[in-house]
Protein backbone atom coordinates (compact mmCIF):
# COMPACT_ATOMS: atom_id res chain seq x y z
CA UNK A 1 122.25 52.66 180.80
CA UNK A 2 125.14 51.38 178.82
CA UNK A 3 125.69 47.63 178.69
CA UNK A 4 129.12 46.06 179.29
CA UNK A 5 131.31 45.55 176.28
CA UNK A 6 131.08 41.80 176.75
CA UNK A 7 127.37 41.96 175.82
CA UNK A 8 127.38 44.65 173.14
CA UNK A 9 128.66 42.58 170.16
CA UNK A 10 125.44 40.52 170.00
CA UNK A 11 122.85 42.76 168.37
CA UNK A 12 119.82 41.03 166.77
CA UNK A 13 120.72 39.93 163.27
CA UNK A 14 118.82 41.52 160.38
CA UNK A 15 116.01 39.39 159.07
CA UNK A 16 117.13 39.37 155.49
CA UNK A 17 120.61 38.27 156.49
CA UNK A 18 119.20 35.39 158.50
CA UNK A 19 117.00 34.36 155.60
CA UNK A 20 120.00 34.28 153.28
CA UNK A 21 121.95 32.28 155.82
CA UNK A 22 119.16 29.68 156.14
CA UNK A 23 118.80 29.35 152.40
CA UNK A 24 122.50 29.00 151.84
CA UNK A 25 122.72 26.26 154.50
CA UNK A 26 119.93 24.38 152.75
CA UNK A 27 121.77 24.50 149.50
CA UNK A 28 124.98 23.21 151.07
CA UNK A 29 123.53 20.27 153.05
CA UNK A 30 121.67 17.20 151.81
CA UNK A 31 118.06 17.43 153.02
CA UNK A 32 117.03 13.99 154.19
CA UNK A 33 113.68 15.17 155.38
CA UNK A 34 112.73 16.59 151.99
CA UNK A 35 113.80 13.31 150.32
CA UNK A 36 111.63 11.28 152.68
CA UNK A 37 108.71 13.58 152.13
CA UNK A 38 109.11 13.24 148.35
CA UNK A 39 109.23 9.47 148.58
CA UNK A 40 106.14 9.42 150.74
CA UNK A 41 104.33 11.69 148.31
CA UNK A 42 105.30 9.54 145.31
CA UNK A 43 104.07 6.42 147.12
CA UNK A 44 100.67 8.08 147.86
CA UNK A 45 100.41 9.23 144.27
CA UNK A 46 101.17 5.69 143.04
CA UNK A 47 98.51 4.20 145.34
CA UNK A 48 95.91 6.66 144.10
CA UNK A 49 96.62 5.90 140.47
CA UNK A 50 96.79 2.15 141.08
CA UNK A 51 93.33 2.35 142.66
CA UNK A 52 92.12 4.11 139.58
CA UNK A 53 93.56 1.24 137.53
CA UNK A 54 91.52 -1.20 139.64
CA UNK A 55 88.36 0.69 138.75
CA UNK A 56 89.31 0.58 135.05
CA UNK A 57 89.98 -3.13 135.41
CA UNK A 58 86.50 -3.67 136.82
CA UNK A 59 85.06 -1.89 133.77
CA UNK A 60 86.99 -4.27 131.53
CA UNK A 61 85.58 -7.20 133.48
CA UNK A 62 82.11 -5.86 132.99
CA UNK A 63 82.68 -5.55 129.21
CA UNK A 64 83.99 -9.17 129.36
CA UNK A 65 80.68 -10.31 130.76
CA UNK A 66 78.95 -8.65 127.83
CA UNK A 67 81.23 -10.57 125.47
CA UNK A 68 80.17 -13.76 127.12
CA UNK A 69 76.50 -12.78 127.12
CA UNK A 70 76.29 -11.87 123.39
CA UNK A 71 76.77 -15.04 121.29
CA UNK A 72 78.04 -13.21 118.24
CA UNK A 73 80.78 -11.44 120.33
CA UNK A 74 81.87 -14.62 122.11
CA UNK A 75 82.05 -16.45 118.78
CA UNK A 76 83.99 -13.60 117.19
CA UNK A 77 86.65 -13.60 119.98
CA UNK A 78 86.56 -17.36 120.51
CA UNK A 79 85.47 -17.19 124.12
CA UNK A 80 83.30 -20.24 124.16
CA UNK A 81 84.17 -23.13 126.50
CA UNK A 82 85.81 -23.35 129.89
CA UNK A 83 89.14 -21.77 128.85
CA UNK A 84 87.51 -18.37 128.37
CA UNK A 85 85.79 -18.54 131.76
CA UNK A 86 89.05 -19.65 133.41
CA UNK A 87 90.89 -16.66 131.92
CA UNK A 88 88.08 -14.36 133.07
CA UNK A 89 88.18 -15.81 136.59
CA UNK A 90 91.97 -15.44 136.66
CA UNK A 91 91.70 -11.73 135.72
CA UNK A 92 89.20 -11.23 138.51
CA UNK A 93 91.36 -12.93 141.09
CA UNK A 94 94.61 -11.20 140.32
CA UNK A 95 92.82 -7.90 140.07
CA UNK A 96 91.48 -8.31 143.61
CA UNK A 97 94.92 -9.53 144.86
CA UNK A 98 96.57 -6.48 143.28
CA UNK A 99 94.09 -4.18 145.04
CA UNK A 100 94.85 -5.78 148.37
CA UNK A 101 98.63 -5.19 148.17
CA UNK A 102 98.57 -1.71 146.56
CA UNK A 103 99.63 0.04 149.77
CA UNK A 104 102.85 -1.96 150.12
CA UNK A 105 105.74 0.18 148.94
CA UNK A 106 107.53 -2.69 147.17
CA UNK A 107 105.05 -5.56 146.54
CA UNK A 108 102.39 -3.10 145.48
CA UNK A 109 104.46 -1.83 142.60
CA UNK A 110 105.66 -5.25 141.47
CA UNK A 111 102.23 -6.88 141.61
CA UNK A 112 100.69 -3.92 139.73
CA UNK A 113 103.33 -4.14 137.00
CA UNK A 114 102.98 -7.92 136.57
CA UNK A 115 99.18 -7.81 136.49
CA UNK A 116 99.30 -4.99 133.95
CA UNK A 117 101.52 -7.11 131.73
CA UNK A 118 99.03 -10.02 132.09
CA UNK A 119 96.16 -7.67 131.09
CA UNK A 120 98.24 -6.63 128.08
CA UNK A 121 98.94 -10.22 127.10
CA UNK A 122 95.21 -11.09 127.28
CA UNK A 123 94.44 -8.08 125.15
CA UNK A 124 96.96 -9.20 122.52
CA UNK A 125 95.32 -12.62 122.40
CA UNK A 126 91.88 -11.07 121.95
CA UNK A 127 93.21 -8.78 119.25
CA UNK A 128 94.97 -11.53 117.27
CA UNK A 129 92.65 -14.52 117.88
CA UNK A 130 89.65 -13.77 115.49
CA UNK A 131 90.04 -15.58 112.25
CA UNK A 132 88.71 -12.66 110.23
CA UNK A 133 88.92 -9.01 111.05
CA UNK A 134 91.56 -9.50 113.72
CA UNK A 135 95.09 -8.31 114.20
CA UNK A 136 95.70 -4.76 113.00
CA UNK A 137 92.07 -4.60 111.95
CA UNK A 138 90.63 -5.53 115.33
CA UNK A 139 88.37 -2.95 117.06
CA UNK A 140 90.16 -3.77 120.31
CA UNK A 141 93.51 -2.49 119.00
CA UNK A 142 92.67 0.99 120.34
CA UNK A 143 92.90 -0.43 123.86
CA UNK A 144 96.66 -0.47 123.38
CA UNK A 145 96.72 3.33 123.75
CA UNK A 146 94.93 2.98 127.08
CA UNK A 147 97.57 0.49 128.29
CA UNK A 148 100.34 2.88 127.19
CA UNK A 149 98.63 5.55 129.36
CA UNK A 150 98.42 3.19 132.37
CA UNK A 151 102.06 2.24 132.09
CA UNK A 152 103.22 5.83 131.60
CA UNK A 153 101.38 7.26 134.64
CA UNK A 154 102.23 4.34 136.95
CA UNK A 155 105.82 3.55 135.78
CA UNK A 156 107.27 6.60 133.98
CA UNK A 157 110.53 5.00 133.01
CA UNK A 158 111.73 3.96 129.52
CA UNK A 159 112.08 0.19 130.12
CA UNK A 160 108.89 0.03 132.18
CA UNK A 161 106.88 1.58 129.31
CA UNK A 162 108.33 -0.86 126.75
CA UNK A 163 105.62 -3.67 126.96
CA UNK A 164 102.65 -1.67 125.56
CA UNK A 165 104.88 -0.22 122.87
CA UNK A 166 105.79 -3.74 121.71
CA UNK A 167 102.12 -4.67 121.04
CA UNK A 168 102.09 -3.11 117.56
CA UNK A 169 105.13 -4.90 116.12
CA UNK A 170 104.09 -8.12 117.81
CA UNK A 171 100.62 -7.89 116.31
CA UNK A 172 102.05 -7.14 112.87
CA UNK A 173 104.33 -10.15 113.10
CA UNK A 174 101.53 -12.43 114.27
CA UNK A 175 99.39 -11.28 111.31
CA UNK A 176 102.19 -12.40 109.01
CA UNK A 177 102.53 -15.71 110.86
CA UNK A 178 98.79 -16.33 110.58
CA UNK A 179 99.00 -15.60 106.83
CA UNK A 180 96.91 -12.46 107.01
CA UNK A 181 97.39 -9.89 104.35
CA UNK A 182 99.10 -6.70 105.64
CA UNK A 183 98.20 -3.91 103.26
CA UNK A 184 99.00 -0.18 103.07
CA UNK A 185 96.08 0.67 105.36
CA UNK A 186 97.46 -1.70 108.02
CA UNK A 187 100.91 -0.08 107.69
CA UNK A 188 99.27 3.36 108.11
CA UNK A 189 97.49 2.01 111.21
CA UNK A 190 100.80 0.93 112.76
CA UNK A 191 102.47 4.27 112.02
CA UNK A 192 99.42 6.17 113.31
CA UNK A 193 99.33 4.22 116.58
CA UNK A 194 103.07 4.53 117.03
CA UNK A 195 102.76 8.31 116.60
CA UNK A 196 99.95 8.48 119.18
CA UNK A 197 101.94 6.30 121.60
CA UNK A 198 104.95 8.66 121.34
CA UNK A 199 102.72 11.71 122.02
CA UNK A 200 101.10 10.03 125.03
CA UNK A 201 104.39 8.92 126.58
CA UNK A 202 106.04 12.31 126.03
CA UNK A 203 103.14 14.34 127.49
CA UNK A 204 102.70 12.06 130.50
CA UNK A 205 106.43 11.83 131.37
CA UNK A 206 106.79 15.61 130.94
CA UNK A 207 103.78 16.17 133.31
CA UNK A 208 105.25 13.70 135.74
CA UNK A 209 108.60 15.48 135.79
CA UNK A 210 106.97 18.88 136.21
CA UNK A 211 104.70 17.57 138.99
CA UNK A 212 107.61 16.00 140.84
CA UNK A 213 109.74 19.17 140.51
CA UNK A 214 106.87 21.34 141.72
CA UNK A 215 106.36 19.06 144.73
CA UNK A 216 110.02 19.12 145.64
CA UNK A 217 109.98 22.94 145.49
CA UNK A 218 106.94 22.99 147.76
CA UNK A 219 108.57 20.63 150.28
CA UNK A 220 111.81 22.67 150.20
CA UNK A 221 109.80 25.91 150.70
CA UNK A 222 107.96 24.33 153.68
CA UNK A 223 111.27 23.30 155.23
CA UNK A 224 112.64 26.78 154.68
CA UNK A 225 109.61 28.34 156.33
CA UNK A 226 109.94 26.03 159.33
CA UNK A 227 113.58 26.84 159.76
CA UNK A 228 113.01 30.55 159.30
CA UNK A 229 110.30 30.39 161.89
CA UNK A 230 112.80 28.86 164.31
CA UNK A 231 115.37 31.57 163.40
CA UNK A 232 112.75 34.31 164.00
CA UNK A 233 111.85 32.85 167.38
CA UNK A 234 115.48 32.59 168.37
CA UNK A 235 115.99 36.21 167.31
CA UNK A 236 113.01 37.28 169.41
CA UNK A 237 114.21 35.35 172.46
CA UNK A 238 117.69 36.73 171.96
CA UNK A 239 116.40 40.32 171.88
CA UNK A 240 114.25 39.79 175.00
CA UNK A 241 117.18 38.17 176.91
CA UNK A 242 119.62 40.78 175.75
CA UNK A 243 117.38 43.80 176.67
CA UNK A 244 115.89 42.24 179.85
CA UNK A 245 118.30 39.99 181.67
CA UNK A 246 121.37 41.64 180.14
CA UNK A 247 120.26 45.06 181.30
CA UNK A 248 119.63 43.72 184.82
CA UNK A 249 123.03 42.16 185.07
CA UNK A 250 124.63 45.32 183.80
CA UNK A 251 122.84 47.33 186.47
CA UNK A 252 124.08 44.85 189.09
CA UNK A 253 127.68 45.39 187.93
CA UNK A 254 127.31 49.19 187.99
CA UNK A 255 125.85 49.06 191.46
CA UNK A 256 128.63 46.73 192.63
CA UNK A 257 131.24 49.17 191.33
CA UNK A 258 129.47 51.98 193.16
CA UNK A 259 129.39 50.01 196.41
CA UNK A 260 133.11 49.23 195.99
CA UNK A 261 133.81 52.97 196.00
CA UNK A 262 131.78 53.44 199.21
CA UNK A 263 132.91 50.38 201.16
CA UNK A 264 135.96 50.70 203.42
CA UNK A 265 136.17 47.40 205.22
CA UNK A 266 138.38 44.83 203.43
CA UNK A 267 136.01 41.91 204.01
CA UNK A 268 133.07 43.86 202.67
CA UNK A 269 135.03 45.00 199.65
CA UNK A 270 136.03 41.39 199.04
CA UNK A 271 132.39 40.21 199.14
CA UNK A 272 131.27 43.00 196.85
CA UNK A 273 134.11 42.14 194.48
CA UNK A 274 132.98 38.51 194.39
CA UNK A 275 129.47 39.74 193.65
CA UNK A 276 130.77 41.84 190.81
CA UNK A 277 132.82 38.93 189.39
CA UNK A 278 129.81 36.66 189.56
CA UNK A 279 127.72 39.20 187.63
CA UNK A 280 130.45 39.57 185.03
CA UNK A 281 130.64 35.74 184.66
CA UNK A 282 126.88 35.76 184.18
CA UNK A 283 127.17 38.42 181.52
CA UNK A 284 129.82 36.35 179.74
CA UNK A 285 127.63 33.22 179.94
CA UNK A 286 124.69 35.21 178.65
CA UNK A 287 126.74 36.53 175.79
CA UNK A 288 127.87 33.02 174.89
CA UNK A 289 124.26 31.72 175.08
CA UNK A 290 123.19 34.43 172.70
CA UNK A 291 125.97 33.57 170.32
CA UNK A 292 124.90 29.93 170.37
CA UNK A 293 121.25 30.99 169.76
CA UNK A 294 122.31 33.07 166.77
CA UNK A 295 124.74 30.37 165.61
CA UNK A 296 127.47 32.94 165.77
CA UNK A 297 129.71 31.16 168.29
CA UNK A 298 133.22 30.35 167.16
CA UNK A 299 135.05 27.91 169.41
CA UNK A 300 138.57 29.17 169.36
CA UNK A 301 137.51 32.79 169.78
CA UNK A 302 135.17 31.77 172.63
CA UNK A 303 138.00 29.92 174.32
CA UNK A 304 140.32 32.93 174.06
CA UNK A 305 137.71 35.23 175.57
CA UNK A 306 136.97 32.86 178.40
CA UNK A 307 140.60 32.29 179.19
CA UNK A 308 141.24 36.03 179.28
CA UNK A 309 138.48 36.47 181.83
CA UNK A 310 139.63 33.43 183.74
CA UNK A 311 143.15 34.80 183.88
CA UNK A 312 141.92 38.12 185.18
CA UNK A 313 139.77 36.60 187.91
CA UNK A 314 142.17 33.92 189.17
CA UNK A 315 145.55 35.61 188.42
CA UNK A 316 146.77 32.14 187.17
CA UNK A 317 149.06 31.66 184.22
CA UNK A 318 147.06 30.20 181.34
CA UNK A 319 148.39 29.62 177.79
CA UNK A 320 146.38 28.81 174.71
CA UNK A 321 147.61 27.29 171.45
CA UNK A 322 145.74 26.34 168.28
CA UNK A 323 147.00 24.20 165.43
CA UNK A 324 145.58 23.35 162.01
CA UNK A 325 142.93 25.16 160.03
CA UNK A 326 139.75 26.00 161.95
CA UNK A 327 136.71 23.91 161.06
CA UNK A 328 133.09 25.03 161.57
CA UNK A 329 131.63 22.51 164.05
CA UNK A 330 127.96 21.97 164.83
CA UNK A 331 126.67 24.17 167.66
CA UNK A 332 126.10 21.22 169.99
CA UNK A 333 129.66 20.00 169.49
CA UNK A 334 131.13 23.47 170.16
CA UNK A 335 128.98 23.90 173.28
CA UNK A 336 129.99 20.44 174.69
CA UNK A 337 133.66 21.19 174.13
CA UNK A 338 133.36 24.53 175.77
CA UNK A 339 131.54 23.10 178.81
CA UNK A 340 134.27 20.46 179.21
CA UNK A 341 136.88 23.25 179.12
CA UNK A 342 134.93 25.23 181.70
CA UNK A 343 134.76 22.23 184.05
CA UNK A 344 138.52 21.62 183.67
CA UNK A 345 139.37 25.19 184.42
CA UNK A 346 137.01 25.31 187.39
CA UNK A 347 138.63 22.14 188.86
CA UNK A 348 142.05 23.55 188.31
CA UNK A 349 141.21 26.80 190.09
CA UNK A 350 139.23 25.29 193.01
CA UNK A 351 140.92 21.96 193.73
CA UNK A 352 144.22 21.55 191.95
CA UNK A 353 146.01 24.65 193.27
CA UNK A 354 147.66 24.84 189.88
CA UNK A 355 150.14 27.57 189.01
CA UNK A 356 150.13 26.99 185.25
CA UNK A 357 147.42 25.75 182.83
CA UNK A 358 147.92 24.88 179.23
CA UNK A 359 145.09 24.63 176.69
CA UNK A 360 145.61 23.32 173.16
CA UNK A 361 143.03 23.14 170.38
CA UNK A 362 144.00 21.14 167.30
CA UNK A 363 142.16 20.76 164.01
CA UNK A 364 142.81 18.06 161.46
CA UNK A 365 140.79 16.69 158.52
CA UNK A 366 139.75 13.68 160.62
CA UNK A 367 139.52 14.92 164.19
CA UNK A 368 139.33 17.89 166.57
CA UNK A 369 141.39 17.64 169.73
CA UNK A 370 141.11 19.63 172.89
CA UNK A 371 143.78 19.23 175.63
CA UNK A 372 143.88 20.85 179.07
CA UNK A 373 146.75 20.21 181.39
CA UNK A 374 147.85 21.80 184.74
CA UNK A 375 150.69 21.43 187.23
CA UNK A 376 148.45 21.12 190.25
CA UNK A 377 148.42 18.53 192.91
CA UNK A 378 146.43 15.97 190.84
CA UNK A 379 144.32 13.19 192.29
CA UNK A 380 143.81 9.44 192.23
CA UNK A 381 141.75 8.53 189.19
CA UNK A 382 141.01 5.14 190.68
CA UNK A 383 139.13 6.69 193.64
CA UNK A 384 135.53 5.41 193.27
CA UNK A 385 134.08 7.37 196.15
CA UNK A 386 130.99 9.47 195.67
CA UNK A 387 131.55 12.86 194.03
CA UNK A 388 133.38 13.83 190.89
CA UNK A 389 130.09 14.75 189.26
CA UNK A 390 131.96 17.22 187.04
CA UNK A 391 134.08 14.39 185.64
CA UNK A 392 131.04 12.25 185.15
CA UNK A 393 129.34 15.08 183.24
CA UNK A 394 132.41 15.44 180.99
CA UNK A 395 132.31 11.73 180.19
CA UNK A 396 128.61 11.87 179.38
CA UNK A 397 129.14 14.88 177.03
CA UNK A 398 131.99 13.07 175.27
CA UNK A 399 129.87 9.89 174.93
CA UNK A 400 127.01 11.84 173.25
CA UNK A 401 129.49 13.26 170.75
CA UNK A 402 130.99 9.89 170.05
CA UNK A 403 134.31 11.28 171.26
CA UNK A 404 137.22 9.89 173.25
CA UNK A 405 137.95 11.49 176.62
CA UNK A 406 141.26 10.55 178.31
CA UNK A 407 141.96 11.58 181.88
CA UNK A 408 145.52 11.24 183.16
CA UNK A 409 146.29 12.32 186.76
CA UNK A 410 148.08 11.17 189.88
CA UNK A 411 148.72 12.78 193.27
CA UNK A 412 151.41 15.41 192.92
CA UNK A 413 151.73 15.06 189.15
CA UNK A 414 149.05 17.45 187.83
CA UNK A 415 146.12 16.60 185.59
CA UNK A 416 145.87 16.15 181.82
CA UNK A 417 142.56 15.81 179.96
CA UNK A 418 142.42 15.09 176.26
CA UNK A 419 139.19 15.20 174.25
CA UNK A 420 139.27 13.88 170.70
CA UNK A 421 136.17 14.24 168.44
CA UNK A 422 136.02 12.41 165.06
CA UNK A 423 134.73 14.47 162.15
CA UNK A 424 132.16 12.97 159.73
């Protein structure tokens, strides 16, 4: 059985063509969802690493207890007296406070950064304080590399990594201020540590950028797969509707034509003709729904096709005019505009007794305008009696689009409806 021509132009799109279409749309539009997913992933990663920092801070506190417990160590670093215990208690308190606010997207980062800087300051004091064997010769100087690692993995930005890198020149300057001799070995120590810092920062920042890029690609691929799954499901539904319901409607049209040849009574022929027209309208509506499903619906072309069929069914004079350069509108917008046009034409045919209908579609960089006017009998727009559900539906559709819908009519003066949709 051959389907009517109105339904034939909607074959299922090839899969590879749909894939390319989806991927091209992703490249052309900003993906807010992917950005949000990346931000959430970065926050989760920061929280995980900040918790690892808390564990490392606990280890430092345990080593601090050993320094207090061994008299030689506490004497070497000058930790005797209440000041040392106060500093130790302060480290414990702000470490716990940092752990409690880690999950906050803003406060967690700021508190972590500030407490890291405080840890770094305390380390500098411990490195410089010993009267002998301190400064660039201190065994704690290697801890500076660990702080560089912490700053690089938690805050991989140039200015954020600056504090640990300033430890070496600050320690060298304090050695000079404290009248300690800086020899060639100390200079080699500074250069060696600087080189290690540069390597650590480069490797960690490079790994951070690669990890972030890989995650974004994964998120983009997931979004593509989701959208392609929707496209595949739409294609499947389109095929089922086309081959099932479309074939049934086509059979109904063929049978109606056969009955028209057999029927002799005018009233029976009229009823059969109405049945055939209804089936053809259903075919047209089905074709349009499939176009929407395949995102292949073009507003001006759809309006022309509908006006042609409307003219053939009603024998009314209908003109259509377009101005401006056509703009690809979202499917929901095109469907809402088309439904409003359908309602206007149906009212003009059923109630207005119009002889002439004019339809204008205008495109501009800022707006899309649709105007429908007829020379029918019009009506009183101030009539608030029950009914006019079609007009109410048109206003609701316009409101959802953020559009302006203007209705101008009066008894004996026809009806004019203007829909204006702002473009983003």
